[in-house]
């Protein structure tokens, strides 16, 4: 999956599964964590829930990334009148891994995009 595809991901269960697998290092099958128990453990809603988003931020900190976010106008290239969230994961060690920026309507969605860009690489 390349960076442009990641930037276009919607806030949905498919993105949540991708975050669970690639960022959180969890084994997933569809919308469930593995191993599947009798009751099944659903994947957290990383792209829509701010509490789940905080878990993503915490994991990214262990990978030496700082998190910053801002809400601003002219955030979307295709609609400069539309406000949105810009989330940035920056490597603690300076320019060794660069900045990874996610832009979306909600904070949790933008954080999911930025985290995926950081762990999968902009050149993925």
PDB file of N, CA and C in Angstrom:
ATOM      1  N   UNK A   1       0.857  -1.177   0.000  1.00  0.00           N
ATOM      2  CA  UNK A   1       0.000   0.000   0.000  1.00  0.00           C
ATOM      3  C   UNK A   1       0.901   1.238   0.000  1.00  0.00           C
ATOM      4  N   UNK A   2       0.675   2.144  -0.945  1.00  0.00           N
ATOM      5  CA  UNK A   2       1.532   3.329  -1.021  1.00  0.00           C
ATOM      6  C   UNK A   2       0.957   4.482  -0.197  1.00  0.00           C
ATOM      7  N   UNK A   3       1.749   5.522  -0.051  1.00  0.00           N
ATOM      8  CA  UNK A   3       1.381   6.658   0.794  1.00  0.00           C
ATOM      9  C   UNK A   3       0.101   7.337   0.315  1.00  0.00           C
ATOM     10  N   UNK A   4      -0.074   7.461  -0.981  1.00  0.00           N
ATOM     11  CA  UNK A   4      -1.271   8.125  -1.507  1.00  0.00           C
ATOM     12  C   UNK A   4      -2.530   7.332  -1.166  1.00  0.00           C
ATOM     13  N   UNK A   5      -2.441   6.014  -1.218  1.00  0.00           N
ATOM     14  CA  UNK A   5      -3.569   5.158  -0.847  1.00  0.00           C
ATOM     15  C   UNK A   5      -3.880   5.298   0.639  1.00  0.00           C
ATOM     16  N   UNK A   6      -2.847   5.350   1.468  1.00  0.00           N
ATOM     17  CA  UNK A   6      -3.036   5.517   2.911  1.00  0.00           C
ATOM     18  C   UNK A   6      -3.733   6.847   3.194  1.00  0.00           C
ATOM     19  N   UNK A   7      -3.322   7.906   2.530  1.00  0.00           N
ATOM     20  CA  UNK A   7      -3.921   9.231   2.758  1.00  0.00           C
ATOM     21  C   UNK A   7      -5.401   9.278   2.395  1.00  0.00           C
ATOM     22  N   UNK A   8      -5.844   8.372   1.536  1.00  0.00           N
ATOM     23  CA  UNK A   8      -7.246   8.352   1.088  1.00  0.00           C
ATOM     24  C   UNK A   8      -8.123   7.390   1.896  1.00  0.00           C
ATOM     25  N   UNK A   9      -7.562   6.718   2.892  1.00  0.00           N
ATOM     26  CA  UNK A   9      -8.345   5.779   3.690  1.00  0.00           C
ATOM     27  C   UNK A   9      -9.481   6.491   4.417  1.00  0.00           C
ATOM     28  N   UNK A  10     -10.624   5.832   4.484  1.00  0.00           N
ATOM     29  CA  UNK A  10     -11.778   6.348   5.208  1.00  0.00           C
ATOM     30  C   UNK A  10     -11.676   5.941   6.681  1.00  0.00           C
ATOM     31  N   UNK A  11     -12.446   6.595   7.528  1.00  0.00           N
ATOM     32  CA  UNK A  11     -12.552   6.203   8.932  1.00  0.00           C
ATOM     33  C   UNK A  11     -13.579   5.076   8.998  1.00  0.00           C
ATOM     34  N   UNK A  12     -13.092   3.837   8.940  1.00  0.00           N
ATOM     35  CA  UNK A  12     -13.993   2.690   8.891  1.00  0.00           C
ATOM     36  C   UNK A  12     -13.298   1.453   9.469  1.00  0.00           C
ATOM     37  N   UNK A  13     -14.033   0.338   9.607  1.00  0.00           N
ATOM     38  CA  UNK A  13     -13.446  -0.878  10.175  1.00  0.00           C
ATOM     39  C   UNK A  13     -12.227  -1.390   9.411  1.00  0.00           C
ATOM     40  N   UNK A  14     -12.191  -1.180   8.106  1.00  0.00           N
ATOM     41  CA  UNK A  14     -11.038  -1.616   7.321  1.00  0.00           C
ATOM     42  C   UNK A  14      -9.767  -0.873   7.749  1.00  0.00           C
ATOM     43  N   UNK A  15      -9.888   0.429   7.963  1.00  0.00           N
ATOM     44  CA  UNK A  15      -8.748   1.222   8.441  1.00  0.00           C
ATOM     45  C   UNK A  15      -8.376   0.800   9.853  1.00  0.00           C
ATOM     46  N   UNK A  16      -9.385   0.549  10.699  1.00  0.00           N
ATOM     47  CA  UNK A  16      -9.117   0.102  12.068  1.00  0.00           C
ATOM     48  C   UNK A  16      -8.334  -1.206  12.074  1.00  0.00           C
ATOM     49  N   UNK A  17      -8.686  -2.122  11.183  1.00  0.00           N
ATOM     50  CA  UNK A  17      -7.962  -3.399  11.085  1.00  0.00           C
ATOM     51  C   UNK A  17      -6.519  -3.176  10.655  1.00  0.00           C
ATOM     52  N   UNK A  18      -6.319  -2.267   9.721  1.00  0.00           N
ATOM     53  CA  UNK A  18      -4.971  -1.960   9.245  1.00  0.00           C
ATOM     54  C   UNK A  18      -4.126  -1.348  10.364  1.00  0.00           C
ATOM     55  N   UNK A  19      -4.718  -0.441  11.138  1.00  0.00           N
ATOM     56  CA  UNK A  19      -4.011   0.172  12.276  1.00  0.00           C
ATOM     57  C   UNK A  19      -3.683  -0.904  13.317  1.00  0.00           C
ATOM     58  N   UNK A  20      -4.646  -1.775  13.603  1.00  0.00           N
ATOM     59  CA  UNK A  20      -4.408  -2.843  14.589  1.00  0.00           C
ATOM     60  C   UNK A  20      -3.230  -3.711  14.184  1.00  0.00           C
ATOM     61  N   UNK A  21      -3.181  -4.056  12.907  1.00  0.00           N
ATOM     62  CA  UNK A  21      -2.126  -4.941  12.417  1.00  0.00           C
ATOM     63  C   UNK A  21      -0.778  -4.243  12.281  1.00  0.00           C
ATOM     64  N   UNK A  22      -0.748  -3.102  11.618  1.00  0.00           N
ATOM     65  CA  UNK A  22       0.521  -2.446  11.275  1.00  0.00           C
ATOM     66  C   UNK A  22       1.084  -1.557  12.386  1.00  0.00           C
ATOM     67  N   UNK A  23       0.215  -0.875  13.122  1.00  0.00           N
ATOM     68  CA  UNK A  23       0.686   0.052  14.164  1.00  0.00           C
ATOM     69  C   UNK A  23       0.733  -0.630  15.527  1.00  0.00           C
ATOM     70  N   UNK A  24      -0.357  -1.328  15.868  1.00  0.00           N
ATOM     71  CA  UNK A  24      -0.471  -1.920  17.199  1.00  0.00           C
ATOM     72  C   UNK A  24       0.170  -3.311  17.284  1.00  0.00           C
ATOM     73  N   UNK A  25       0.609  -3.858  16.140  1.00  0.00           N
ATOM     74  CA  UNK A  25       1.225  -5.187  16.069  1.00  0.00           C
ATOM     75  C   UNK A  25       0.324  -6.294  16.618  1.00  0.00           C
ATOM     76  N   UNK A  26      -0.967  -6.221  16.283  1.00  0.00           N
ATOM     77  CA  UNK A  26      -1.925  -7.242  16.694  1.00  0.00           C
ATOM     78  C   UNK A  26      -2.245  -8.138  15.505  1.00  0.00           C
ATOM     79  N   UNK A  27      -2.583  -9.374  15.779  1.00  0.00           N
ATOM     80  CA  UNK A  27      -3.011 -10.286  14.715  1.00  0.00           C
ATOM     81  C   UNK A  27      -4.516 -10.131  14.547  1.00  0.00           C
ATOM     82  N   UNK A  28      -4.937  -9.942  13.304  1.00  0.00           N
ATOM     83  CA  UNK A  28      -6.357  -9.687  13.049  1.00  0.00           C
ATOM     84  C   UNK A  28      -6.898 -10.612  11.963  1.00  0.00           C
ATOM     85  N   UNK A  29      -8.205 -10.817  12.028  1.00  0.00           N
ATOM     86  CA  UNK A  29      -8.928 -11.512  10.979  1.00  0.00           C
ATOM     87  C   UNK A  29     -10.253 -10.783  10.832  1.00  0.00           C
ATOM     88  N   UNK A  30     -10.400 -10.055   9.755  1.00  0.00           N
ATOM     89  CA  UNK A  30     -11.605  -9.243   9.565  1.00  0.00           C
ATOM     90  C   UNK A  30     -11.663  -8.155  10.618  1.00  0.00           C
ATOM     91  N   UNK A  31     -12.738  -8.150  11.403  1.00  0.00           N
ATOM     92  CA  UNK A  31     -12.911  -7.146  12.451  1.00  0.00           C
ATOM     93  C   UNK A  31     -12.565  -7.687  13.837  1.00  0.00           C
ATOM     94  N   UNK A  32     -11.917  -8.868  13.900  1.00  0.00           N
ATOM     95  CA  UNK A  32     -11.627  -9.507  15.186  1.00  0.00           C
ATOM     96  C   UNK A  32     -10.126  -9.691  15.390  1.00  0.00           C
ATOM     97  N   UNK A  33      -9.754  -9.652  16.662  1.00  0.00           N
ATOM     98  CA  UNK A  33      -8.374  -9.964  17.044  1.00  0.00           C
ATOM     99  C   UNK A  33      -8.216 -11.467  17.126  1.00  0.00           C
ATOM    100  N   UNK A  34      -7.024 -11.943  16.821  1.00  0.00           N
ATOM    101  CA  UNK A  34      -6.735 -13.376  16.937  1.00  0.00           C
ATOM    102  C   UNK A  34      -5.991 -13.642  18.231  1.00  0.00           C
ATOM    103  N   UNK A  35      -6.110 -14.761  18.885  1.00  0.00           N
ATOM    104  CA  UNK A  35      -7.038 -15.813  18.492  1.00  0.00           C
ATOM    105  C   UNK A  35      -8.484 -15.413  18.817  1.00  0.00           C
ATOM    106  N   UNK A  36      -9.419 -15.877  18.000  1.00  0.00           N
ATOM    107  CA  UNK A  36     -10.830 -15.560  18.226  1.00  0.00           C
ATOM    108  C   UNK A  36     -11.351 -16.444  19.348  1.00  0.00           C
ATOM    109  N   UNK A  37     -11.909 -15.795  20.360  1.00  0.00           N
ATOM    110  CA  UNK A  37     -12.462 -16.520  21.512  1.00  0.00           C
ATOM    111  C   UNK A  37     -13.949 -16.775  21.272  1.00  0.00           C
ATOM    112  N   UNK A  38     -14.581 -17.442  22.225  1.00  0.00           N
ATOM    113  CA  UNK A  38     -16.010 -17.739  22.097  1.00  0.00           C
ATOM    114  C   UNK A  38     -16.827 -16.457  21.929  1.00  0.00           C
ATOM    115  N   UNK A  39     -16.424 -15.402  22.621  1.00  0.00           N
ATOM    116  CA  UNK A  39     -17.158 -14.142  22.545  1.00  0.00           C
ATOM    117  C   UNK A  39     -16.594 -13.217  21.474  1.00  0.00           C
ATOM    118  N   UNK A  40     -15.397 -13.504  20.999  1.00  0.00           N
ATOM    119  CA  UNK A  40     -14.760 -12.659  19.982  1.00  0.00           C
ATOM    120  C   UNK A  40     -14.353 -11.318  20.564  1.00  0.00           C
ATOM    121  N   UNK A  41     -13.189 -10.862  20.224  1.00  0.00           N
ATOM    122  CA  UNK A  41     -12.710  -9.556  20.671  1.00  0.00           C
ATOM    123  C   UNK A  41     -12.641  -8.650  19.454  1.00  0.00           C
ATOM    124  N   UNK A  42     -13.488  -7.657  19.452  1.00  0.00           N
ATOM    125  CA  UNK A  42     -13.541  -6.723  18.325  1.00  0.00           C
ATOM    126  C   UNK A  42     -12.320  -5.811  18.349  1.00  0.00           C
ATOM    127  N   UNK A  43     -11.899  -5.403  17.183  1.00  0.00           N
ATOM    128  CA  UNK A  43     -10.813  -4.436  17.053  1.00  0.00           C
ATOM    129  C   UNK A  43     -11.314  -3.076  17.516  1.00  0.00           C
ATOM    130  N   UNK A  44     -10.478  -2.339  18.202  1.00  0.00           N
ATOM    131  CA  UNK A  44     -10.847  -0.987  18.638  1.00  0.00           C
ATOM    132  C   UNK A  44     -11.094  -0.100  17.421  1.00  0.00           C
ATOM    133  N   UNK A  45     -11.895   0.920  17.617  1.00  0.00           N
ATOM    134  CA  UNK A  45     -12.234   1.853  16.534  1.00  0.00           C
ATOM    135  C   UNK A  45     -11.206   2.990  16.511  1.00  0.00           C
ATOM    136  N   UNK A  46      -9.984   2.655  16.117  1.00  0.00           N
ATOM    137  CA  UNK A  46      -8.879   3.604  16.148  1.00  0.00           C
ATOM    138  C   UNK A  46      -9.143   4.854  15.307  1.00  0.00           C
ATOM    139  N   UNK A  47      -9.849   4.720  14.206  1.00  0.00           N
ATOM    140  CA  UNK A  47     -10.041   5.854  13.299  1.00  0.00           C
ATOM    141  C   UNK A  47     -11.252   6.723  13.648  1.00  0.00           C
ATOM    142  N   UNK A  48     -12.029   6.316  14.660  1.00  0.00           N
ATOM    143  CA  UNK A  48     -13.209   7.109  15.018  1.00  0.00           C
ATOM    144  C   UNK A  48     -13.342   7.409  16.508  1.00  0.00           C
ATOM    145  N   UNK A  49     -12.608   6.718  17.344  1.00  0.00           N
ATOM    146  CA  UNK A  49     -12.753   6.850  18.804  1.00  0.00           C
ATOM    147  C   UNK A  49     -11.498   7.470  19.412  1.00  0.00           C
ATOM    148  N   UNK A  50     -11.673   8.588  20.109  1.00  0.00           N
ATOM    149  CA  UNK A  50     -10.512   9.285  20.683  1.00  0.00           C
ATOM    150  C   UNK A  50      -9.816   8.482  21.774  1.00  0.00           C
ATOM    151  N   UNK A  51     -10.537   7.637  22.508  1.00  0.00           N
ATOM    152  CA  UNK A  51      -9.884   6.798  23.520  1.00  0.00           C
ATOM    153  C   UNK A  51      -8.981   5.763  22.863  1.00  0.00           C
ATOM    154  N   UNK A  52      -9.453   5.148  21.789  1.00  0.00           N
ATOM    155  CA  UNK A  52      -8.627   4.193  21.048  1.00  0.00           C
ATOM    156  C   UNK A  52      -7.461   4.913  20.383  1.00  0.00           C
ATOM    157  N   UNK A  53      -7.699   6.147  19.915  1.00  0.00           N
ATOM    158  CA  UNK A  53      -6.645   6.953  19.297  1.00  0.00           C
ATOM    159  C   UNK A  53      -5.484   7.169  20.265  1.00  0.00           C
ATOM    160  N   UNK A  54      -5.795   7.365  21.548  1.00  0.00           N
ATOM    161  CA  UNK A  54      -4.751   7.583  22.545  1.00  0.00           C
ATOM    162  C   UNK A  54      -3.835   6.372  22.655  1.00  0.00           C
ATOM    163  N   UNK A  55      -4.384   5.174  22.467  1.00  0.00           N
ATOM    164  CA  UNK A  55      -3.558   3.963  22.489  1.00  0.00           C
ATOM    165  C   UNK A  55      -2.562   3.976  21.323  1.00  0.00           C
ATOM    166  N   UNK A  56      -3.011   4.466  20.168  1.00  0.00           N
ATOM    167  CA  UNK A  56      -2.124   4.577  19.007  1.00  0.00           C
ATOM    168  C   UNK A  56      -0.982   5.541  19.316  1.00  0.00           C
ATOM    169  N   UNK A  57      -1.308   6.678  19.908  1.00  0.00           N
ATOM    170  CA  UNK A  57      -0.296   7.681  20.270  1.00  0.00           C
ATOM    171  C   UNK A  57       0.716   7.077  21.242  1.00  0.00           C
ATOM    172  N   UNK A  58       0.226   6.330  22.222  1.00  0.00           N
ATOM    173  CA  UNK A  58       1.114   5.710  23.212  1.00  0.00           C
ATOM    174  C   UNK A  58       2.068   4.706  22.558  1.00  0.00           C
ATOM    175  N   UNK A  59       1.563   3.900  21.635  1.00  0.00           N
ATOM    176  CA  UNK A  59       2.415   2.928  20.939  1.00  0.00           C
ATOM    177  C   UNK A  59       3.446   3.653  20.077  1.00  0.00           C
ATOM    178  N   UNK A  60       3.020   4.709  19.418  1.00  0.00           N
ATOM    179  CA  UNK A  60       3.958   5.462  18.574  1.00  0.00           C
ATOM    180  C   UNK A  60       5.063   6.106  19.410  1.00  0.00           C
ATOM    181  N   UNK A  61       4.744   6.507  20.639  1.00  0.00           N
ATOM    182  CA  UNK A  61       5.780   7.037  21.537  1.00  0.00           C
ATOM    183  C   UNK A  61       6.846   5.990  21.816  1.00  0.00           C
ATOM    184  N   UNK A  62       6.430   4.736  21.980  1.00  0.00           N
ATOM    185  CA  UNK A  62       7.412   3.676  22.233  1.00  0.00           C
ATOM    186  C   UNK A  62       8.292   3.440  21.008  1.00  0.00           C
ATOM    187  N   UNK A  63       7.840   3.894  19.853  1.00  0.00           N
ATOM    188  CA  UNK A  63       8.622   3.784  18.608  1.00  0.00           C
ATOM    189  C   UNK A  63       9.396   5.069  18.320  1.00  0.00           C
ATOM    190  N   UNK A  64       9.479   5.933  19.331  1.00  0.00           N
ATOM    191  CA  UNK A  64      10.262   7.173  19.255  1.00  0.00           C
ATOM    192  C   UNK A  64       9.669   8.229  18.327  1.00  0.00           C
ATOM    193  N   UNK A  65       8.332   8.334  18.309  1.00  0.00           N
ATOM    194  CA  UNK A  65       7.676   9.393  17.549  1.00  0.00           C
ATOM    195  C   UNK A  65       6.946  10.344  18.496  1.00  0.00           C
ATOM    196  N   UNK A  66       7.076  11.641  18.231  1.00  0.00           N
ATOM    197  CA  UNK A  66       6.282  12.664  18.911  1.00  0.00           C
ATOM    198  C   UNK A  66       5.012  12.874  18.121  1.00  0.00           C
ATOM    199  N   UNK A  67       3.938  13.226  18.809  1.00  0.00           N
ATOM    200  CA  UNK A  67       2.644  13.474  18.180  1.00  0.00           C
ATOM    201  C   UNK A  67       2.294  14.943  18.351  1.00  0.00           C
ATOM    202  N   UNK A  68       1.823  15.575  17.315  1.00  0.00           N
ATOM    203  CA  UNK A  68       1.285  16.935  17.433  1.00  0.00           C
ATOM    204  C   UNK A  68       0.079  17.029  16.513  1.00  0.00           C
ATOM    205  N   UNK A  69      -0.858  17.892  16.880  1.00  0.00           N
ATOM    206  CA  UNK A  69      -2.076  18.038  16.083  1.00  0.00           C
ATOM    207  C   UNK A  69      -2.523  19.485  16.095  1.00  0.00           C
ATOM    208  N   UNK A  70      -3.178  19.865  15.003  1.00  0.00           N
ATOM    209  CA  UNK A  70      -3.765  21.211  14.935  1.00  0.00           C
ATOM    210  C   UNK A  70      -5.045  21.141  14.113  1.00  0.00           C
ATOM    211  N   UNK A  71      -5.953  22.052  14.421  1.00  0.00           N
ATOM    212  CA  UNK A  71      -7.188  22.195  13.668  1.00  0.00           C
ATOM    213  C   UNK A  71      -7.075  23.506  12.926  1.00  0.00           C
ATOM    214  N   UNK A  72      -7.230  23.456  11.607  1.00  0.00           N
ATOM    215  CA  UNK A  72      -6.998  24.681  10.862  1.00  0.00           C
ATOM    216  C   UNK A  72      -7.806  24.726   9.578  1.00  0.00           C
ATOM    217  N   UNK A  73      -7.892  25.913   9.025  1.00  0.00           N
ATOM    218  CA  UNK A  73      -8.553  26.112   7.742  1.00  0.00           C
ATOM    219  C   UNK A  73      -7.582  25.711   6.630  1.00  0.00           C
ATOM    220  N   UNK A  74      -8.121  25.523   5.448  1.00  0.00           N
ATOM    221  CA  UNK A  74      -7.319  25.206   4.260  1.00  0.00           C
ATOM    222  C   UNK A  74      -6.442  23.977   4.494  1.00  0.00           C
ATOM    223  N   UNK A  75      -7.028  22.985   5.106  1.00  0.00           N
ATOM    224  CA  UNK A  75      -6.291  21.765   5.435  1.00  0.00           C
ATOM    225  C   UNK A  75      -6.304  20.770   4.275  1.00  0.00           C
ATOM    226  N   UNK A  76      -7.340  20.816   3.457  1.00  0.00           N
ATOM    227  CA  UNK A  76      -7.508  19.855   2.375  1.00  0.00           C
ATOM    228  C   UNK A  76      -7.141  20.483   1.034  1.00  0.00           C
ATOM    229  N   UNK A  77      -6.289  19.825   0.294  1.00  0.00           N
ATOM    230  CA  UNK A  77      -5.827  20.344  -0.990  1.00  0.00           C
ATOM    231  C   UNK A  77      -6.985  20.499  -1.972  1.00  0.00           C
ATOM    232  N   UNK A  78      -7.937  19.576  -1.936  1.00  0.00           N
ATOM    233  CA  UNK A  78      -9.046  19.609  -2.889  1.00  0.00           C
ATOM    234  C   UNK A  78     -10.163  20.585  -2.509  1.00  0.00           C
ATOM    235  N   UNK A  79     -10.155  21.119  -1.291  1.00  0.00           N
ATOM    236  CA  UNK A  79     -11.157  22.099  -0.856  1.00  0.00           C
ATOM    237  C   UNK A  79     -10.525  23.016   0.191  1.00  0.00           C
ATOM    238  N   UNK A  80      -9.981  24.128  -0.246  1.00  0.00           N
ATOM    239  CA  UNK A  80      -9.251  25.037   0.650  1.00  0.00           C
ATOM    240  C   UNK A  80     -10.155  25.765   1.638  1.00  0.00           C
ATOM    241  N   UNK A  81     -11.465  25.668   1.460  1.00  0.00           N
ATOM    242  CA  UNK A  81     -12.394  26.313   2.411  1.00  0.00           C
ATOM    243  C   UNK A  81     -12.786  25.376   3.543  1.00  0.00           C
ATOM    244  N   UNK A  82     -12.391  24.127   3.443  1.00  0.00           N
ATOM    245  CA  UNK A  82     -12.794  23.109   4.416  1.00  0.00           C
ATOM    246  C   UNK A  82     -11.767  22.995   5.543  1.00  0.00           C
ATOM    247  N   UNK A  83     -12.200  23.182   6.787  1.00  0.00           N
ATOM    248  CA  UNK A  83     -11.267  23.005   7.917  1.00  0.00           C
ATOM    249  C   UNK A  83     -11.074  21.528   8.229  1.00  0.00           C
ATOM    250  N   UNK A  84      -9.991  21.219   8.927  1.00  0.00           N
ATOM    251  CA  UNK A  84      -9.739  19.837   9.308  1.00  0.00           C
ATOM    252  C   UNK A  84      -8.589  19.721  10.281  1.00  0.00           C
ATOM    253  N   UNK A  85      -8.299  18.504  10.659  1.00  0.00           N
ATOM    254  CA  UNK A  85      -7.204  18.219  11.584  1.00  0.00           C
ATOM    255  C   UNK A  85      -5.968  17.797  10.799  1.00  0.00           C
ATOM    256  N   UNK A  86      -4.833  18.329  11.215  1.00  0.00           N
ATOM    257  CA  UNK A  86      -3.551  17.904  10.675  1.00  0.00           C
ATOM    258  C   UNK A  86      -2.750  17.310  11.824  1.00  0.00           C
ATOM    259  N   UNK A  87      -2.440  16.040  11.710  1.00  0.00           N
ATOM    260  CA  UNK A  87      -1.692  15.330  12.748  1.00  0.00           C
ATOM    261  C   UNK A  87      -0.326  14.978  12.190  1.00  0.00           C
ATOM    262  N   UNK A  88       0.679  15.149  13.026  1.00  0.00           N
ATOM    263  CA  UNK A  88       2.053  14.903  12.617  1.00  0.00           C
ATOM    264  C   UNK A  88       2.733  13.985  13.627  1.00  0.00           C
ATOM    265  N   UNK A  89       3.362  12.925  13.106  1.00  0.00           N
ATOM    266  CA  UNK A  89       4.264  12.108  13.907  1.00  0.00           C
ATOM    267  C   UNK A  89       5.670  12.452  13.447  1.00  0.00           C
ATOM    268  N   UNK A  90       6.485  12.900  14.384  1.00  0.00           N
ATOM    269  CA  UNK A  90       7.868  13.288  14.079  1.00  0.00           C
ATOM    270  C   UNK A  90       8.809  12.412  14.894  1.00  0.00           C
ATOM    271  N   UNK A  91       9.814  11.908  14.226  1.00  0.00           N
ATOM    272  CA  UNK A  91      10.798  11.068  14.899  1.00  0.00           C
ATOM    273  C   UNK A  91      11.550  11.874  15.948  1.00  0.00           C
ATOM    274  N   UNK A  92      11.699  11.299  17.128  1.00  0.00           N
ATOM    275  CA  UNK A  92      12.403  11.945  18.231  1.00  0.00           C
ATOM    276  C   UNK A  92      13.835  12.290  17.843  1.00  0.00           C
ATOM    277  N   UNK A  93      14.423  11.486  16.975  1.00  0.00           N
ATOM    278  CA  UNK A  93      15.829  11.649  16.631  1.00  0.00           C
ATOM    279  C   UNK A  93      16.055  12.571  15.437  1.00  0.00           C
ATOM    280  N   UNK A  94      15.155  13.503  15.234  1.00  0.00           N
ATOM    281  CA  UNK A  94      15.355  14.493  14.174  1.00  0.00           C
ATOM    282  C   UNK A  94      15.052  13.944  12.799  1.00  0.00           C
ATOM    283  N   UNK A  95      15.906  14.229  11.853  1.00  0.00           N
ATOM    284  CA  UNK A  95      15.641  13.906  10.467  1.00  0.00           C
ATOM    285  C   UNK A  95      15.857  12.470  10.064  1.00  0.00           C
ATOM    286  N   UNK A  96      16.017  11.562  11.012  1.00  0.00           N
ATOM    287  CA  UNK A  96      16.294  10.181  10.638  1.00  0.00           C
ATOM    288  C   UNK A  96      15.114   9.499   9.957  1.00  0.00           C
ATOM    289  N   UNK A  97      13.886   9.895  10.283  1.00  0.00           N
ATOM    290  CA  UNK A  97      12.721   9.263   9.653  1.00  0.00           C
ATOM    291  C   UNK A  97      11.730  10.276   9.093  1.00  0.00           C
ATOM    292  N   UNK A  98      11.960  11.550   9.285  1.00  0.00           N
ATOM    293  CA  UNK A  98      11.077  12.567   8.722  1.00  0.00           C
ATOM    294  C   UNK A  98       9.739  12.684   9.433  1.00  0.00           C
ATOM    295  N   UNK A  99       8.913  13.609   8.933  1.00  0.00           N
ATOM    296  CA  UNK A  99       7.573  13.834   9.467  1.00  0.00           C
ATOM    297  C   UNK A  99       6.551  13.052   8.652  1.00  0.00           C
ATOM    298  N   UNK A 100       5.542  12.571   9.327  1.00  0.00           N
ATOM    299  CA  UNK A 100       4.466  11.832   8.669  1.00  0.00           C
ATOM    300  C   UNK A 100       3.169  12.531   9.048  1.00  0.00           C
ATOM    301  N   UNK A 101       2.456  13.056   8.055  1.00  0.00           N
ATOM    302  CA  UNK A 101       1.316  13.926   8.295  1.00  0.00           C
ATOM    303  C   UNK A 101       0.035  13.295   7.776  1.00  0.00           C
ATOM    304  N   UNK A 102      -0.973  13.269   8.651  1.00  0.00           N
ATOM    305  CA  UNK A 102      -2.303  12.811   8.276  1.00  0.00           C
ATOM    306  C   UNK A 102      -3.284  13.958   8.372  1.00  0.00           C
ATOM    307  N   UNK A 103      -4.180  14.058   7.410  1.00  0.00           N
ATOM    308  CA  UNK A 103      -5.184  15.111   7.377  1.00  0.00           C
ATOM    309  C   UNK A 103      -6.556  14.466   7.246  1.00  0.00           C
ATOM    310  N   UNK A 104      -7.508  14.884   8.100  1.00  0.00           N
ATOM    311  CA  UNK A 104      -8.861  14.318   8.042  1.00  0.00           C
ATOM    312  C   UNK A 104      -9.844  15.220   8.778  1.00  0.00           C
ATOM    313  N   UNK A 105     -11.110  14.872   8.681  1.00  0.00           N
ATOM    314  CA  UNK A 105     -12.173  15.633   9.347  1.00  0.00           C
ATOM    315  C   UNK A 105     -12.134  15.488  10.860  1.00  0.00           C
ATOM    316  N   UNK A 106     -11.672  14.339  11.342  1.00  0.00           N
ATOM    317  CA  UNK A 106     -11.641  14.102  12.789  1.00  0.00           C
ATOM    318  C   UNK A 106     -10.211  13.821  13.256  1.00  0.00           C
ATOM    319  N   UNK A 107      -9.986  14.067  14.523  1.00  0.00           N
ATOM    320  CA  UNK A 107      -8.661  13.889  15.106  1.00  0.00           C
ATOM    321  C   UNK A 107      -8.221  12.424  15.075  1.00  0.00           C
ATOM    322  N   UNK A 108      -9.132  11.520  15.414  1.00  0.00           N
ATOM    323  CA  UNK A 108      -8.793  10.098  15.434  1.00  0.00           C
ATOM    324  C   UNK A 108      -8.447   9.585  14.037  1.00  0.00           C
ATOM    325  N   UNK A 109      -9.192  10.028  13.047  1.00  0.00           N
ATOM    326  CA  UNK A 109      -8.940   9.599  11.668  1.00  0.00           C
ATOM    327  C   UNK A 109      -7.581  10.112  11.183  1.00  0.00           C
ATOM    328  N   UNK A 110      -7.298  11.389  11.429  1.00  0.00           N
ATOM    329  CA  UNK A 110      -6.008  11.963  11.025  1.00  0.00           C
ATOM    330  C   UNK A 110      -4.846  11.266  11.731  1.00  0.00           C
ATOM    331  N   UNK A 111      -5.032  10.910  12.996  1.00  0.00           N
ATOM    332  CA  UNK A 111      -3.989  10.206  13.754  1.00  0.00           C
ATOM    333  C   UNK A 111      -3.737   8.823  13.162  1.00  0.00           C
ATOM    334  N   UNK A 112      -4.798   8.127  12.781  1.00  0.00           N
ATOM    335  CA  UNK A 112      -4.648   6.800  12.166  1.00  0.00           C
ATOM    336  C   UNK A 112      -3.850   6.887  10.866  1.00  0.00           C
ATOM    337  N   UNK A 113      -4.167   7.867  10.044  1.00  0.00           N
ATOM    338  CA  UNK A 113      -3.463   8.035   8.772  1.00  0.00           C
ATOM    339  C   UNK A 113      -1.982   8.343   9.013  1.00  0.00           C
ATOM    340  N   UNK A 114      -1.710   9.283   9.905  1.00  0.00           N
ATOM    341  CA  UNK A 114      -0.313   9.660  10.183  1.00  0.00           C
ATOM    342  C   UNK A 114       0.477   8.479  10.745  1.00  0.00           C
ATOM    343  N   UNK A 115      -0.133   7.706  11.633  1.00  0.00           N
ATOM    344  CA  UNK A 115       0.550   6.547  12.218  1.00  0.00           C
ATOM    345  C   UNK A 115       0.848   5.492  11.152  1.00  0.00           C
ATOM    346  N   UNK A 116      -0.110   5.241  10.278  1.00  0.00           N
ATOM    347  CA  UNK A 116       0.126   4.280   9.200  1.00  0.00           C
ATOM    348  C   UNK A 116       1.246   4.750   8.276  1.00  0.00           C
ATOM    349  N   UNK A 117       1.266   6.035   7.950  1.00  0.00           N
ATOM    350  CA  UNK A 117       2.352   6.569   7.120  1.00  0.00           C
ATOM    351  C   UNK A 117       3.708   6.391   7.808  1.00  0.00           C
ATOM    352  N   UNK A 118       3.725   6.599   9.127  1.00  0.00           N
ATOM    353  CA  UNK A 118       4.990   6.497   9.864  1.00  0.00           C
ATOM    354  C   UNK A 118       5.505   5.058   9.900  1.00  0.00           C
ATOM    355  N   UNK A 119       4.632   4.087  10.159  1.00  0.00           N
ATOM    356  CA  UNK A 119       5.098   2.713  10.304  1.00  0.00           C
ATOM    357  C   UNK A 119       5.261   1.995   8.966  1.00  0.00           C
ATOM    358  N   UNK A 120       4.473   2.374   7.983  1.00  0.00           N
ATOM    359  CA  UNK A 120       4.572   1.716   6.679  1.00  0.00           C
ATOM    360  C   UNK A 120       5.514   2.441   5.748  1.00  0.00           C
ATOM    361  N   UNK A 121       5.876   3.678   6.135  1.00  0.00           N
ATOM    362  CA  UNK A 121       6.808   4.459   5.329  1.00  0.00           C
ATOM    363  C   UNK A 121       6.126   5.159   4.189  1.00  0.00           C
ATOM    364  N   UNK A 122       6.535   6.382   3.935  1.00  0.00           N
ATOM    365  CA  UNK A 122       5.960   7.147   2.836  1.00  0.00           C
ATOM    366  C   UNK A 122       6.245   6.520   1.490  1.00  0.00           C
ATOM    367  N   UNK A 123       7.269   5.684   1.403  1.00  0.00           N
ATOM    368  CA  UNK A 123       7.616   5.042   0.147  1.00  0.00           C
ATOM    369  C   UNK A 123       7.042   3.641   0.017  1.00  0.00           C
ATOM    370  N   UNK A 124       6.205   3.241   0.995  1.00  0.00           N
ATOM    371  CA  UNK A 124       5.686   1.864   0.993  1.00  0.00           C
ATOM    372  C   UNK A 124       4.821   1.574  -0.216  1.00  0.00           C
TER     373      UNK A 124
END
